[in-house]
Amino acid sequence: MKSEAITSTILTKHFKTIVFLSLTLMLEFTLLFPTTSVAKTTLIEAPVSANGCPATLDFNLRRLAKSEEVNLCDAYKGKVVLIVNTASKCGYTGQFDGLEALYKKYKDKGLVVLGFPSNDFANQDPENEQNIAKFCRLTYGVKFPMFEKTHAAESNASPIYKTLGGIAGEFPQWNFHKYLLDTKGNLIGSFKSQVTPDSKKIVSLIEKNLP
């Protein structure tokens, strides 16, 4: 009886693992072969707070693995802003290269890329902030601003993602969803994970809106 109980426990664990992996693969397949649009590029004006800041940038957020807080409005209003929820162990993690290349090419012309590590999707960014910062720096040479770990999924969205998702009408469904803001903080683009940073859709929209 004891051996049967042990066998049953092992089978249950394996079953749960198989179900989890199956669901993850199904979600990634959906992202690779979507049935809905992967990009929205309609301008949506952001509400403006009493302090004159667009709601999309009206946040004080801490830099990744640091105690320093940044007021996004003070730091980035007047720039084109690309906001991305990142992960270190995802099939799309290689997009760090494209994001850094985009930042390097356009940062002096008025673009900034903001990265927000999130562990919301399939536990693909489980490390602490110090290890995440080290990984981004050493593996991909990331120099664009990275901020504190956050929740991007709609079910538990942090204030900034609750605002972005509400304005866009869609929340990230996976890692490396991209929101693009113009120089006034208005939303001008929402791109699903499979749309790469160097895609014509993103690059042309950035170039069109640079200050």
N, C-alpha and C. Protein backbone atom coordinates (compact mmCIF):
# COMPACT_ATOMS: atom_id res chain seq x y z
N MET A 1 0.82 -1.21 0.00
CA MET A 1 0.00 0.00 0.00
C MET A 1 0.86 1.26 0.00
N LYS A 2 1.95 1.17 0.80
CA LYS A 2 2.83 2.34 0.88
C LYS A 2 3.46 2.63 -0.47
N SER A 3 3.92 1.59 -1.16
CA SER A 3 4.55 1.77 -2.47
C SER A 3 3.55 2.30 -3.49
N GLU A 4 2.27 1.86 -3.35
CA GLU A 4 1.24 2.35 -4.26
C GLU A 4 0.97 3.83 -4.04
N ALA A 5 1.01 4.26 -2.77
CA ALA A 5 0.79 5.67 -2.44
C ALA A 5 1.92 6.53 -3.00
N ILE A 6 3.17 6.02 -2.87
CA ILE A 6 4.33 6.75 -3.40
C ILE A 6 4.23 6.87 -4.91
N THR A 7 3.86 5.77 -5.55
CA THR A 7 3.71 5.78 -7.02
C THR A 7 2.64 6.77 -7.45
N SER A 8 1.54 6.79 -6.71
CA SER A 8 0.44 7.71 -7.02
C SER A 8 0.89 9.16 -6.89
N THR A 9 1.68 9.46 -5.85
CA THR A 9 2.19 10.82 -5.64
C THR A 9 3.10 11.26 -6.77
N ILE A 10 3.98 10.33 -7.19
CA ILE A 10 4.91 10.62 -8.28
C ILE A 10 4.15 10.89 -9.58
N LEU A 11 3.16 10.03 -9.85
CA LEU A 11 2.37 10.21 -11.07
C LEU A 11 1.62 11.53 -11.06
N THR A 12 1.11 11.91 -9.88
CA THR A 12 0.38 13.18 -9.77
C THR A 12 1.30 14.35 -10.06
N LYS A 13 2.53 14.31 -9.52
CA LYS A 13 3.50 15.38 -9.77
C LYS A 13 3.85 15.48 -11.24
N HIS A 14 4.06 14.30 -11.86
CA HIS A 14 4.39 14.29 -13.29
C HIS A 14 3.22 14.82 -14.11
N PHE A 15 2.02 14.46 -13.74
CA PHE A 15 0.83 14.93 -14.45
C PHE A 15 0.73 16.45 -14.39
N LYS A 16 0.95 17.02 -13.19
CA LYS A 16 0.89 18.47 -13.02
C LYS A 16 1.95 19.16 -13.87
N THR A 17 3.15 18.56 -13.91
CA THR A 17 4.24 19.13 -14.72
C THR A 17 3.88 19.11 -16.20
N ILE A 18 3.32 17.99 -16.65
CA ILE A 18 2.94 17.86 -18.06
C ILE A 18 1.85 18.87 -18.42
N VAL A 19 0.87 19.04 -17.54
CA VAL A 19 -0.20 20.00 -17.79
C VAL A 19 0.37 21.41 -17.87
N PHE A 20 1.27 21.77 -16.94
CA PHE A 20 1.88 23.10 -16.93
C PHE A 20 2.65 23.35 -18.22
N LEU A 21 3.48 22.38 -18.62
CA LEU A 21 4.27 22.54 -19.84
C LEU A 21 3.37 22.63 -21.07
N SER A 22 2.30 21.85 -21.08
CA SER A 22 1.36 21.88 -22.21
C SER A 22 0.70 23.24 -22.34
N LEU A 23 0.28 23.79 -21.22
CA LEU A 23 -0.36 25.11 -21.24
C LEU A 23 0.61 26.18 -21.69
N THR A 24 1.87 26.08 -21.24
CA THR A 24 2.89 27.04 -21.64
C THR A 24 3.14 26.97 -23.14
N LEU A 25 3.26 25.74 -23.67
CA LEU A 25 3.48 25.56 -25.11
C LEU A 25 2.29 26.06 -25.93
N MET A 26 1.09 25.84 -25.42
CA MET A 26 -0.10 26.31 -26.13
C MET A 26 -0.12 27.83 -26.20
N LEU A 27 0.28 28.49 -25.10
CA LEU A 27 0.29 29.94 -25.08
C LEU A 27 1.35 30.48 -26.03
N GLU A 28 2.54 29.87 -26.02
CA GLU A 28 3.59 30.33 -26.92
C GLU A 28 3.20 30.08 -28.38
N PHE A 29 2.50 28.97 -28.67
CA PHE A 29 2.03 28.71 -30.03
C PHE A 29 1.04 29.78 -30.44
N THR A 30 0.16 30.17 -29.52
CA THR A 30 -0.81 31.23 -29.81
C THR A 30 -0.12 32.54 -30.12
N LEU A 31 0.98 32.81 -29.40
CA LEU A 31 1.73 34.05 -29.64
C LEU A 31 2.43 34.01 -31.00
N LEU A 32 2.93 32.83 -31.37
CA LEU A 32 3.62 32.71 -32.65
C LEU A 32 2.66 32.73 -33.83
N PHE A 33 1.45 32.19 -33.62
CA PHE A 33 0.46 32.13 -34.69
C PHE A 33 -0.86 32.73 -34.21
N PRO A 34 -0.86 34.05 -33.99
CA PRO A 34 -2.04 34.70 -33.41
C PRO A 34 -3.21 34.74 -34.36
N THR A 35 -4.41 34.78 -33.77
CA THR A 35 -5.62 34.92 -34.58
C THR A 35 -6.13 36.35 -34.55
N THR A 36 -5.51 37.18 -33.70
CA THR A 36 -5.87 38.59 -33.62
C THR A 36 -4.67 39.44 -34.00
N SER A 37 -4.88 40.74 -34.16
CA SER A 37 -3.82 41.64 -34.56
C SER A 37 -2.69 41.66 -33.54
N VAL A 38 -1.45 41.68 -34.04
CA VAL A 38 -0.29 41.72 -33.14
C VAL A 38 0.15 43.15 -32.86
N ALA A 39 -0.47 44.12 -33.53
CA ALA A 39 -0.06 45.51 -33.35
C ALA A 39 -1.25 46.46 -33.46
N LYS A 40 -1.30 47.41 -32.55
CA LYS A 40 -2.27 48.50 -32.61
C LYS A 40 -1.49 49.79 -32.71
N THR A 41 -1.80 50.60 -33.70
CA THR A 41 -1.03 51.82 -33.90
C THR A 41 -1.92 53.07 -33.96
N THR A 42 -3.06 53.01 -33.35
CA THR A 42 -3.95 54.18 -33.30
C THR A 42 -3.56 55.07 -32.13
N LEU A 43 -3.49 56.38 -32.37
CA LEU A 43 -3.17 57.31 -31.30
C LEU A 43 -4.31 57.37 -30.30
N ILE A 44 -3.98 57.19 -29.03
CA ILE A 44 -4.96 57.31 -27.95
C ILE A 44 -4.41 58.33 -26.95
N GLU A 45 -5.10 59.44 -26.80
CA GLU A 45 -4.61 60.48 -25.91
C GLU A 45 -4.68 60.03 -24.45
N ALA A 46 -3.58 60.30 -23.73
CA ALA A 46 -3.53 59.94 -22.32
C ALA A 46 -4.13 61.06 -21.47
N PRO A 47 -4.89 60.72 -20.46
CA PRO A 47 -5.38 61.76 -19.53
C PRO A 47 -4.20 62.50 -18.92
N VAL A 48 -4.41 63.77 -18.62
CA VAL A 48 -3.34 64.58 -18.03
C VAL A 48 -3.70 64.88 -16.58
N SER A 49 -2.75 64.62 -15.69
CA SER A 49 -2.98 64.84 -14.27
C SER A 49 -2.93 66.34 -13.95
N ALA A 50 -3.33 66.69 -12.72
CA ALA A 50 -3.34 68.09 -12.30
C ALA A 50 -1.95 68.72 -12.34
N ASN A 51 -0.92 67.88 -12.20
CA ASN A 51 0.45 68.39 -12.24
C ASN A 51 0.99 68.55 -13.66
N GLY A 52 0.13 68.30 -14.65
CA GLY A 52 0.53 68.47 -16.04
C GLY A 52 1.19 67.25 -16.66
N CYS A 53 1.28 66.18 -15.90
CA CYS A 53 1.92 64.96 -16.41
C CYS A 53 0.88 64.04 -17.06
N PRO A 54 1.23 63.43 -18.18
CA PRO A 54 0.32 62.43 -18.76
C PRO A 54 0.23 61.23 -17.82
N ALA A 55 -0.95 60.64 -17.76
CA ALA A 55 -1.16 59.51 -16.84
C ALA A 55 -0.19 58.37 -17.09
N THR A 56 0.28 58.22 -18.31
CA THR A 56 1.18 57.13 -18.66
C THR A 56 2.58 57.28 -18.04
N LEU A 57 2.92 58.50 -17.63
CA LEU A 57 4.25 58.75 -17.06
C LEU A 57 4.18 59.30 -15.65
N ASP A 58 3.01 59.37 -15.08
CA ASP A 58 2.85 60.01 -13.76
C ASP A 58 3.14 59.01 -12.64
N PHE A 59 4.41 58.55 -12.59
CA PHE A 59 4.81 57.55 -11.61
C PHE A 59 6.22 57.82 -11.10
N ASN A 60 6.43 57.51 -9.84
CA ASN A 60 7.77 57.48 -9.27
C ASN A 60 8.14 56.01 -9.11
N LEU A 61 9.19 55.58 -9.82
CA LEU A 61 9.56 54.17 -9.81
C LEU A 61 11.05 54.02 -9.52
N ARG A 62 11.37 52.93 -8.87
CA ARG A 62 12.75 52.68 -8.46
C ARG A 62 13.55 52.00 -9.57
N ARG A 63 14.77 52.43 -9.73
CA ARG A 63 15.65 51.79 -10.71
C ARG A 63 15.97 50.36 -10.26
N LEU A 64 16.18 49.49 -11.22
CA LEU A 64 16.43 48.08 -10.94
C LEU A 64 17.65 47.91 -10.03
N ALA A 65 17.45 47.18 -8.93
CA ALA A 65 18.51 46.84 -7.97
C ALA A 65 19.13 48.06 -7.30
N LYS A 66 18.41 49.17 -7.29
CA LYS A 66 18.91 50.39 -6.65
C LYS A 66 17.81 51.00 -5.79
N SER A 67 18.20 51.94 -4.94
CA SER A 67 17.23 52.62 -4.09
C SER A 67 16.73 53.91 -4.74
N GLU A 68 17.40 54.37 -5.78
CA GLU A 68 17.05 55.63 -6.45
C GLU A 68 15.68 55.54 -7.13
N GLU A 69 14.85 56.52 -6.88
CA GLU A 69 13.55 56.60 -7.54
C GLU A 69 13.59 57.64 -8.65
N VAL A 70 12.84 57.37 -9.70
CA VAL A 70 12.80 58.26 -10.86
C VAL A 70 11.36 58.67 -11.09
N ASN A 71 11.14 59.97 -11.28
CA ASN A 71 9.83 60.45 -11.71
C ASN A 71 9.81 60.36 -13.23
N LEU A 72 9.01 59.46 -13.76
CA LEU A 72 9.03 59.21 -15.20
C LEU A 72 8.66 60.45 -16.00
N CYS A 73 7.75 61.25 -15.46
CA CYS A 73 7.32 62.46 -16.16
C CYS A 73 8.49 63.44 -16.29
N ASP A 74 9.17 63.69 -15.16
CA ASP A 74 10.30 64.62 -15.18
C ASP A 74 11.43 64.13 -16.07
N ALA A 75 11.64 62.82 -16.04
CA ALA A 75 12.79 62.25 -16.77
C ALA A 75 12.53 62.04 -18.26
N TYR A 76 11.28 61.70 -18.63
CA TYR A 76 11.07 61.23 -19.99
C TYR A 76 9.98 61.94 -20.79
N LYS A 77 9.24 62.85 -20.18
CA LYS A 77 8.28 63.61 -20.96
C LYS A 77 9.03 64.43 -22.00
N GLY A 78 8.53 64.43 -23.22
CA GLY A 78 9.24 65.09 -24.32
C GLY A 78 10.04 64.13 -25.16
N LYS A 79 10.11 62.86 -24.74
CA LYS A 79 10.78 61.82 -25.50
C LYS A 79 9.76 60.80 -26.02
N VAL A 80 10.14 60.08 -27.04
CA VAL A 80 9.37 58.91 -27.45
C VAL A 80 9.78 57.78 -26.51
N VAL A 81 8.80 57.10 -25.91
CA VAL A 81 9.10 56.12 -24.86
C VAL A 81 8.57 54.74 -25.27
N LEU A 82 9.46 53.75 -25.25
CA LEU A 82 9.08 52.37 -25.51
C LEU A 82 9.16 51.60 -24.19
N ILE A 83 8.04 51.10 -23.72
CA ILE A 83 7.95 50.41 -22.43
C ILE A 83 7.76 48.92 -22.66
N VAL A 84 8.62 48.11 -22.03
CA VAL A 84 8.64 46.66 -22.29
C VAL A 84 8.70 45.88 -20.99
N ASN A 85 7.84 44.88 -20.84
CA ASN A 85 7.97 43.95 -19.71
C ASN A 85 8.90 42.81 -20.11
N THR A 86 10.01 42.70 -19.42
CA THR A 86 11.07 41.78 -19.82
C THR A 86 11.11 40.53 -18.94
N ALA A 87 11.88 39.53 -19.40
CA ALA A 87 12.10 38.31 -18.64
C ALA A 87 13.42 37.69 -19.09
N SER A 88 14.11 37.05 -18.15
CA SER A 88 15.46 36.54 -18.42
C SER A 88 15.49 35.11 -18.95
N LYS A 89 14.38 34.39 -18.83
CA LYS A 89 14.39 32.97 -19.21
C LYS A 89 13.25 32.65 -20.19
N CYS A 90 13.04 33.54 -21.13
CA CYS A 90 11.92 33.44 -22.06
C CYS A 90 12.44 33.20 -23.48
N GLY A 91 11.60 32.63 -24.30
CA GLY A 91 11.97 32.44 -25.70
C GLY A 91 12.22 33.75 -26.42
N TYR A 92 11.69 34.83 -25.88
CA TYR A 92 11.88 36.15 -26.48
C TYR A 92 12.99 36.96 -25.82
N THR A 93 13.73 36.35 -24.89
CA THR A 93 14.77 37.09 -24.15
C THR A 93 15.81 37.69 -25.09
N GLY A 94 16.04 37.05 -26.23
CA GLY A 94 16.99 37.59 -27.21
C GLY A 94 16.62 38.97 -27.72
N GLN A 95 15.36 39.39 -27.48
CA GLN A 95 14.95 40.72 -27.91
C GLN A 95 15.67 41.83 -27.15
N PHE A 96 16.35 41.47 -26.05
CA PHE A 96 17.18 42.46 -25.36
C PHE A 96 18.18 43.08 -26.34
N ASP A 97 18.73 42.25 -27.23
CA ASP A 97 19.69 42.75 -28.22
C ASP A 97 19.05 43.83 -29.10
N GLY A 98 17.85 43.54 -29.59
CA GLY A 98 17.16 44.48 -30.46
C GLY A 98 16.75 45.75 -29.74
N LEU A 99 16.34 45.61 -28.49
CA LEU A 99 15.95 46.78 -27.70
C LEU A 99 17.15 47.68 -27.44
N GLU A 100 18.28 47.07 -27.11
CA GLU A 100 19.49 47.87 -26.86
C GLU A 100 19.97 48.54 -28.14
N ALA A 101 19.89 47.83 -29.27
CA ALA A 101 20.30 48.42 -30.55
C ALA A 101 19.41 49.60 -30.91
N LEU A 102 18.12 49.45 -30.66
CA LEU A 102 17.16 50.53 -30.93
C LEU A 102 17.47 51.74 -30.06
N TYR A 103 17.71 51.49 -28.80
CA TYR A 103 18.04 52.57 -27.86
C TYR A 103 19.33 53.27 -28.27
N LYS A 104 20.33 52.50 -28.61
CA LYS A 104 21.62 53.07 -28.99
C LYS A 104 21.51 53.93 -30.24
N LYS A 105 20.69 53.48 -31.20
CA LYS A 105 20.57 54.19 -32.46
C LYS A 105 19.79 55.51 -32.33
N TYR A 106 18.76 55.51 -31.46
CA TYR A 106 17.86 56.67 -31.44
C TYR A 106 17.88 57.47 -30.14
N LYS A 107 18.68 57.08 -29.16
CA LYS A 107 18.62 57.76 -27.87
C LYS A 107 19.00 59.24 -27.97
N ASP A 108 19.94 59.56 -28.83
CA ASP A 108 20.35 60.97 -28.99
C ASP A 108 19.36 61.76 -29.85
N LYS A 109 18.40 61.06 -30.42
CA LYS A 109 17.38 61.73 -31.25
C LYS A 109 16.05 61.85 -30.51
N GLY A 110 16.00 61.33 -29.27
CA GLY A 110 14.79 61.52 -28.47
C GLY A 110 14.02 60.27 -28.10
N LEU A 111 14.64 59.08 -28.24
CA LEU A 111 13.97 57.83 -27.84
C LEU A 111 14.55 57.32 -26.52
N VAL A 112 13.70 56.78 -25.67
CA VAL A 112 14.18 56.04 -24.50
C VAL A 112 13.40 54.73 -24.41
N VAL A 113 14.11 53.67 -24.06
CA VAL A 113 13.50 52.36 -23.83
C VAL A 113 13.50 52.12 -22.33
N LEU A 114 12.36 51.72 -21.79
CA LEU A 114 12.24 51.43 -20.36
C LEU A 114 11.87 49.97 -20.17
N GLY A 115 12.71 49.25 -19.43
CA GLY A 115 12.47 47.83 -19.20
C GLY A 115 11.93 47.57 -17.81
N PHE A 116 10.94 46.68 -17.73
CA PHE A 116 10.32 46.31 -16.45
C PHE A 116 10.31 44.79 -16.30
N PRO A 117 11.27 44.23 -15.57
CA PRO A 117 11.28 42.78 -15.38
C PRO A 117 9.99 42.32 -14.69
N SER A 118 9.47 41.18 -15.15
CA SER A 118 8.24 40.64 -14.56
C SER A 118 8.31 39.12 -14.56
N ASN A 119 7.82 38.54 -13.48
CA ASN A 119 7.80 37.09 -13.35
C ASN A 119 6.37 36.54 -13.53
N ASP A 120 5.53 37.34 -14.15
CA ASP A 120 4.10 36.99 -14.25
C ASP A 120 3.82 35.81 -15.17
N PHE A 121 4.67 35.60 -16.17
CA PHE A 121 4.35 34.61 -17.19
C PHE A 121 5.26 33.40 -17.12
N ALA A 122 4.70 32.30 -16.64
CA ALA A 122 5.41 31.00 -16.58
C ALA A 122 6.68 31.04 -15.74
N ASN A 123 6.72 31.95 -14.77
CA ASN A 123 7.86 32.01 -13.85
C ASN A 123 9.19 32.16 -14.59
N GLN A 124 9.22 33.05 -15.58
CA GLN A 124 10.40 33.17 -16.44
C GLN A 124 11.35 34.30 -16.06
N ASP A 125 11.10 34.94 -14.92
CA ASP A 125 12.08 35.90 -14.39
C ASP A 125 12.08 35.80 -12.86
N PRO A 126 12.48 34.63 -12.31
CA PRO A 126 12.35 34.38 -10.87
C PRO A 126 13.47 34.97 -10.01
N GLU A 127 14.56 35.39 -10.62
CA GLU A 127 15.71 35.85 -9.85
C GLU A 127 15.43 37.17 -9.13
N ASN A 128 16.29 37.49 -8.15
CA ASN A 128 16.18 38.79 -7.49
C ASN A 128 16.69 39.90 -8.41
N GLU A 129 16.46 41.14 -8.03
CA GLU A 129 16.79 42.26 -8.91
C GLU A 129 18.28 42.35 -9.20
N GLN A 130 19.11 42.06 -8.21
CA GLN A 130 20.57 42.14 -8.42
C GLN A 130 21.01 41.16 -9.51
N ASN A 131 20.49 39.95 -9.47
CA ASN A 131 20.86 38.95 -10.48
C ASN A 131 20.30 39.29 -11.86
N ILE A 132 19.09 39.86 -11.87
CA ILE A 132 18.50 40.27 -13.16
C ILE A 132 19.34 41.38 -13.79
N ALA A 133 19.72 42.36 -12.98
CA ALA A 133 20.53 43.48 -13.49
C ALA A 133 21.87 42.97 -14.02
N LYS A 134 22.47 42.03 -13.30
CA LYS A 134 23.75 41.46 -13.72
C LYS A 134 23.60 40.70 -15.03
N PHE A 135 22.53 39.91 -15.14
CA PHE A 135 22.26 39.16 -16.36
C PHE A 135 22.09 40.09 -17.56
N CYS A 136 21.29 41.13 -17.40
CA CYS A 136 21.03 42.05 -18.51
C CYS A 136 22.31 42.76 -18.95
N ARG A 137 23.11 43.14 -17.97
CA ARG A 137 24.34 43.88 -18.27
C ARG A 137 25.40 42.99 -18.91
N LEU A 138 25.62 41.81 -18.34
CA LEU A 138 26.71 40.95 -18.82
C LEU A 138 26.34 40.15 -20.06
N THR A 139 25.09 39.72 -20.16
CA THR A 139 24.68 38.88 -21.29
C THR A 139 24.32 39.69 -22.52
N TYR A 140 23.65 40.82 -22.32
CA TYR A 140 23.16 41.58 -23.46
C TYR A 140 23.68 43.03 -23.51
N GLY A 141 24.52 43.40 -22.57
CA GLY A 141 25.07 44.75 -22.57
C GLY A 141 24.01 45.83 -22.47
N VAL A 142 22.96 45.55 -21.70
CA VAL A 142 21.85 46.50 -21.61
C VAL A 142 22.27 47.78 -20.89
N LYS A 143 22.02 48.89 -21.57
CA LYS A 143 22.30 50.20 -20.98
C LYS A 143 21.05 51.07 -20.90
N PHE A 144 19.96 50.64 -21.55
CA PHE A 144 18.74 51.42 -21.44
C PHE A 144 18.18 51.25 -20.02
N PRO A 145 17.41 52.22 -19.53
CA PRO A 145 16.94 52.19 -18.14
C PRO A 145 16.08 50.96 -17.83
N MET A 146 16.43 50.30 -16.74
CA MET A 146 15.65 49.17 -16.25
C MET A 146 15.11 49.54 -14.87
N PHE A 147 13.88 49.13 -14.60
CA PHE A 147 13.23 49.49 -13.35
C PHE A 147 12.85 48.25 -12.54
N GLU A 148 12.35 48.50 -11.35
CA GLU A 148 12.01 47.45 -10.39
C GLU A 148 11.10 46.38 -10.99
N LYS A 149 11.19 45.17 -10.45
CA LYS A 149 10.30 44.09 -10.89
C LYS A 149 8.86 44.52 -10.69
N THR A 150 8.03 44.16 -11.63
CA THR A 150 6.65 44.62 -11.57
C THR A 150 5.69 43.52 -12.02
N HIS A 151 4.41 43.81 -11.90
CA HIS A 151 3.39 42.90 -12.41
C HIS A 151 2.76 43.53 -13.65
N ALA A 152 2.84 42.80 -14.75
CA ALA A 152 2.32 43.31 -16.02
C ALA A 152 0.99 42.66 -16.41
N ALA A 153 0.73 41.46 -15.90
CA ALA A 153 -0.50 40.76 -16.25
C ALA A 153 -1.71 41.48 -15.65
N GLU A 154 -2.80 41.46 -16.37
CA GLU A 154 -3.99 42.22 -15.96
C GLU A 154 -4.50 41.82 -14.58
N SER A 155 -4.40 40.56 -14.22
CA SER A 155 -4.96 40.09 -12.96
C SER A 155 -4.34 40.72 -11.73
N ASN A 156 -3.10 41.17 -11.85
CA ASN A 156 -2.41 41.77 -10.69
C ASN A 156 -1.52 42.92 -11.14
N ALA A 157 -1.99 43.67 -12.11
CA ALA A 157 -1.16 44.70 -12.72
C ALA A 157 -0.73 45.79 -11.74
N SER A 158 0.53 46.19 -11.82
CA SER A 158 1.02 47.31 -11.04
C SER A 158 0.39 48.59 -11.59
N PRO A 159 0.45 49.70 -10.85
CA PRO A 159 -0.22 50.93 -11.31
C PRO A 159 0.15 51.35 -12.74
N ILE A 160 1.43 51.28 -13.10
CA ILE A 160 1.80 51.73 -14.45
C ILE A 160 1.21 50.80 -15.51
N TYR A 161 1.21 49.50 -15.25
CA TYR A 161 0.65 48.58 -16.25
C TYR A 161 -0.87 48.59 -16.24
N LYS A 162 -1.45 48.88 -15.10
CA LYS A 162 -2.91 49.04 -15.05
C LYS A 162 -3.32 50.23 -15.90
N THR A 163 -2.52 51.30 -15.85
CA THR A 163 -2.81 52.50 -16.65
C THR A 163 -2.59 52.23 -18.13
N LEU A 164 -1.44 51.65 -18.47
CA LEU A 164 -1.13 51.39 -19.88
C LEU A 164 -2.12 50.41 -20.50
N GLY A 165 -2.41 49.33 -19.78
CA GLY A 165 -3.35 48.34 -20.29
C GLY A 165 -4.76 48.90 -20.45
N GLY A 166 -5.15 49.75 -19.50
CA GLY A 166 -6.47 50.36 -19.58
C GLY A 166 -6.62 51.28 -20.76
N ILE A 167 -5.58 52.09 -21.01
CA ILE A 167 -5.62 53.02 -22.15
C ILE A 167 -5.54 52.26 -23.47
N ALA A 168 -4.68 51.26 -23.52
CA ALA A 168 -4.49 50.49 -24.77
C ALA A 168 -5.67 49.57 -25.07
N GLY A 169 -6.39 49.19 -24.02
CA GLY A 169 -7.46 48.21 -24.22
C GLY A 169 -6.94 46.80 -24.30
N GLU A 170 -5.67 46.61 -23.93
CA GLU A 170 -5.09 45.28 -23.89
C GLU A 170 -3.89 45.27 -22.95
N PHE A 171 -3.77 44.18 -22.21
CA PHE A 171 -2.65 44.00 -21.29
C PHE A 171 -1.67 42.98 -21.89
N PRO A 172 -0.43 42.99 -21.44
CA PRO A 172 0.51 41.97 -21.91
C PRO A 172 -0.02 40.57 -21.65
N GLN A 173 0.11 39.72 -22.65
CA GLN A 173 -0.28 38.31 -22.52
C GLN A 173 0.95 37.43 -22.32
N TRP A 174 2.12 38.04 -22.48
CA TRP A 174 3.39 37.31 -22.35
C TRP A 174 4.49 38.33 -22.17
N ASN A 175 5.71 37.84 -22.01
CA ASN A 175 6.86 38.73 -21.85
C ASN A 175 7.15 39.49 -23.14
N PHE A 176 7.74 40.66 -23.00
CA PHE A 176 8.18 41.51 -24.12
C PHE A 176 7.03 42.10 -24.95
N HIS A 177 5.92 42.37 -24.28
CA HIS A 177 4.90 43.22 -24.90
C HIS A 177 5.45 44.64 -24.88
N LYS A 178 5.11 45.42 -25.90
CA LYS A 178 5.69 46.76 -26.03
C LYS A 178 4.60 47.83 -26.19
N TYR A 179 4.69 48.86 -25.35
CA TYR A 179 3.83 50.04 -25.49
C TYR A 179 4.71 51.20 -25.94
N LEU A 180 4.23 51.93 -26.93
CA LEU A 180 4.99 53.07 -27.45
C LEU A 180 4.23 54.36 -27.19
N LEU A 181 4.91 55.33 -26.59
CA LEU A 181 4.32 56.62 -26.28
C LEU A 181 4.98 57.71 -27.09
N ASP A 182 4.19 58.73 -27.48
CA ASP A 182 4.79 59.88 -28.18
C ASP A 182 5.34 60.86 -27.16
N THR A 183 5.81 62.00 -27.63
CA THR A 183 6.49 62.96 -26.76
C THR A 183 5.55 63.62 -25.74
N LYS A 184 4.25 63.47 -25.94
CA LYS A 184 3.27 64.02 -24.99
C LYS A 184 2.74 62.94 -24.04
N GLY A 185 3.27 61.73 -24.18
CA GLY A 185 2.83 60.64 -23.33
C GLY A 185 1.60 59.93 -23.83
N ASN A 186 1.13 60.28 -25.02
CA ASN A 186 -0.02 59.59 -25.61
C ASN A 186 0.41 58.22 -26.11
N LEU A 187 -0.49 57.27 -26.04
CA LEU A 187 -0.19 55.93 -26.55
C LEU A 187 -0.33 55.92 -28.07
N ILE A 188 0.72 55.51 -28.76
CA ILE A 188 0.66 55.47 -30.22
C ILE A 188 0.88 54.06 -30.77
N GLY A 189 1.20 53.12 -29.88
CA GLY A 189 1.40 51.76 -30.36
C GLY A 189 1.38 50.75 -29.23
N SER A 190 0.81 49.58 -29.50
CA SER A 190 0.81 48.46 -28.57
C SER A 190 1.14 47.22 -29.38
N PHE A 191 2.26 46.58 -29.05
CA PHE A 191 2.77 45.49 -29.87
C PHE A 191 2.95 44.22 -29.05
N LYS A 192 2.41 43.13 -29.55
CA LYS A 192 2.54 41.86 -28.85
C LYS A 192 3.98 41.35 -28.91
N SER A 193 4.24 40.34 -28.10
CA SER A 193 5.60 39.85 -27.88
C SER A 193 6.37 39.51 -29.15
N GLN A 194 5.69 38.93 -30.12
CA GLN A 194 6.39 38.46 -31.32
C GLN A 194 6.80 39.57 -32.28
N VAL A 195 6.32 40.79 -32.03
CA VAL A 195 6.75 41.92 -32.86
C VAL A 195 8.12 42.38 -32.35
N THR A 196 9.15 42.19 -33.15
CA THR A 196 10.51 42.44 -32.69
C THR A 196 10.83 43.94 -32.68
N PRO A 197 11.80 44.34 -31.85
CA PRO A 197 12.15 45.75 -31.75
C PRO A 197 12.58 46.39 -33.07
N ASP A 198 13.13 45.59 -33.98
CA ASP A 198 13.59 46.14 -35.25
C ASP A 198 12.54 46.03 -36.36
N SER A 199 11.31 45.68 -36.00
CA SER A 199 10.27 45.56 -37.02
C SER A 199 9.96 46.92 -37.63
N LYS A 200 9.54 46.90 -38.88
CA LYS A 200 9.23 48.15 -39.57
C LYS A 200 8.10 48.91 -38.87
N LYS A 201 7.15 48.16 -38.30
CA LYS A 201 6.03 48.81 -37.62
C LYS A 201 6.50 49.67 -36.46
N ILE A 202 7.43 49.15 -35.68
CA ILE A 202 7.92 49.90 -34.53
C ILE A 202 8.88 51.00 -34.96
N VAL A 203 9.83 50.67 -35.80
CA VAL A 203 10.86 51.65 -36.20
C VAL A 203 10.25 52.83 -36.92
N SER A 204 9.34 52.57 -37.85
CA SER A 204 8.74 53.69 -38.60
C SER A 204 7.91 54.58 -37.69
N LEU A 205 7.24 54.01 -36.71
CA LEU A 205 6.44 54.79 -35.79
C LEU A 205 7.32 55.64 -34.88
N ILE A 206 8.44 55.07 -34.47
CA ILE A 206 9.40 55.83 -33.66
C ILE A 206 9.93 57.01 -34.46
N GLU A 207 10.41 56.74 -35.67
CA GLU A 207 10.99 57.79 -36.50
C GLU A 207 9.99 58.90 -36.80
N LYS A 208 8.76 58.53 -37.00
CA LYS A 208 7.71 59.51 -37.31
C LYS A 208 7.44 60.43 -36.14
N ASN A 209 7.68 59.97 -34.92
CA ASN A 209 7.29 60.74 -33.73
C ASN A 209 8.47 61.32 -32.96
N LEU A 210 9.67 61.15 -33.43
CA LEU A 210 10.83 61.73 -32.73
C LEU A 210 10.71 63.25 -32.66
N PRO A 211 11.15 63.84 -31.57
CA PRO A 211 11.01 65.32 -31.42
C PRO A 211 11.90 66.06 -32.40
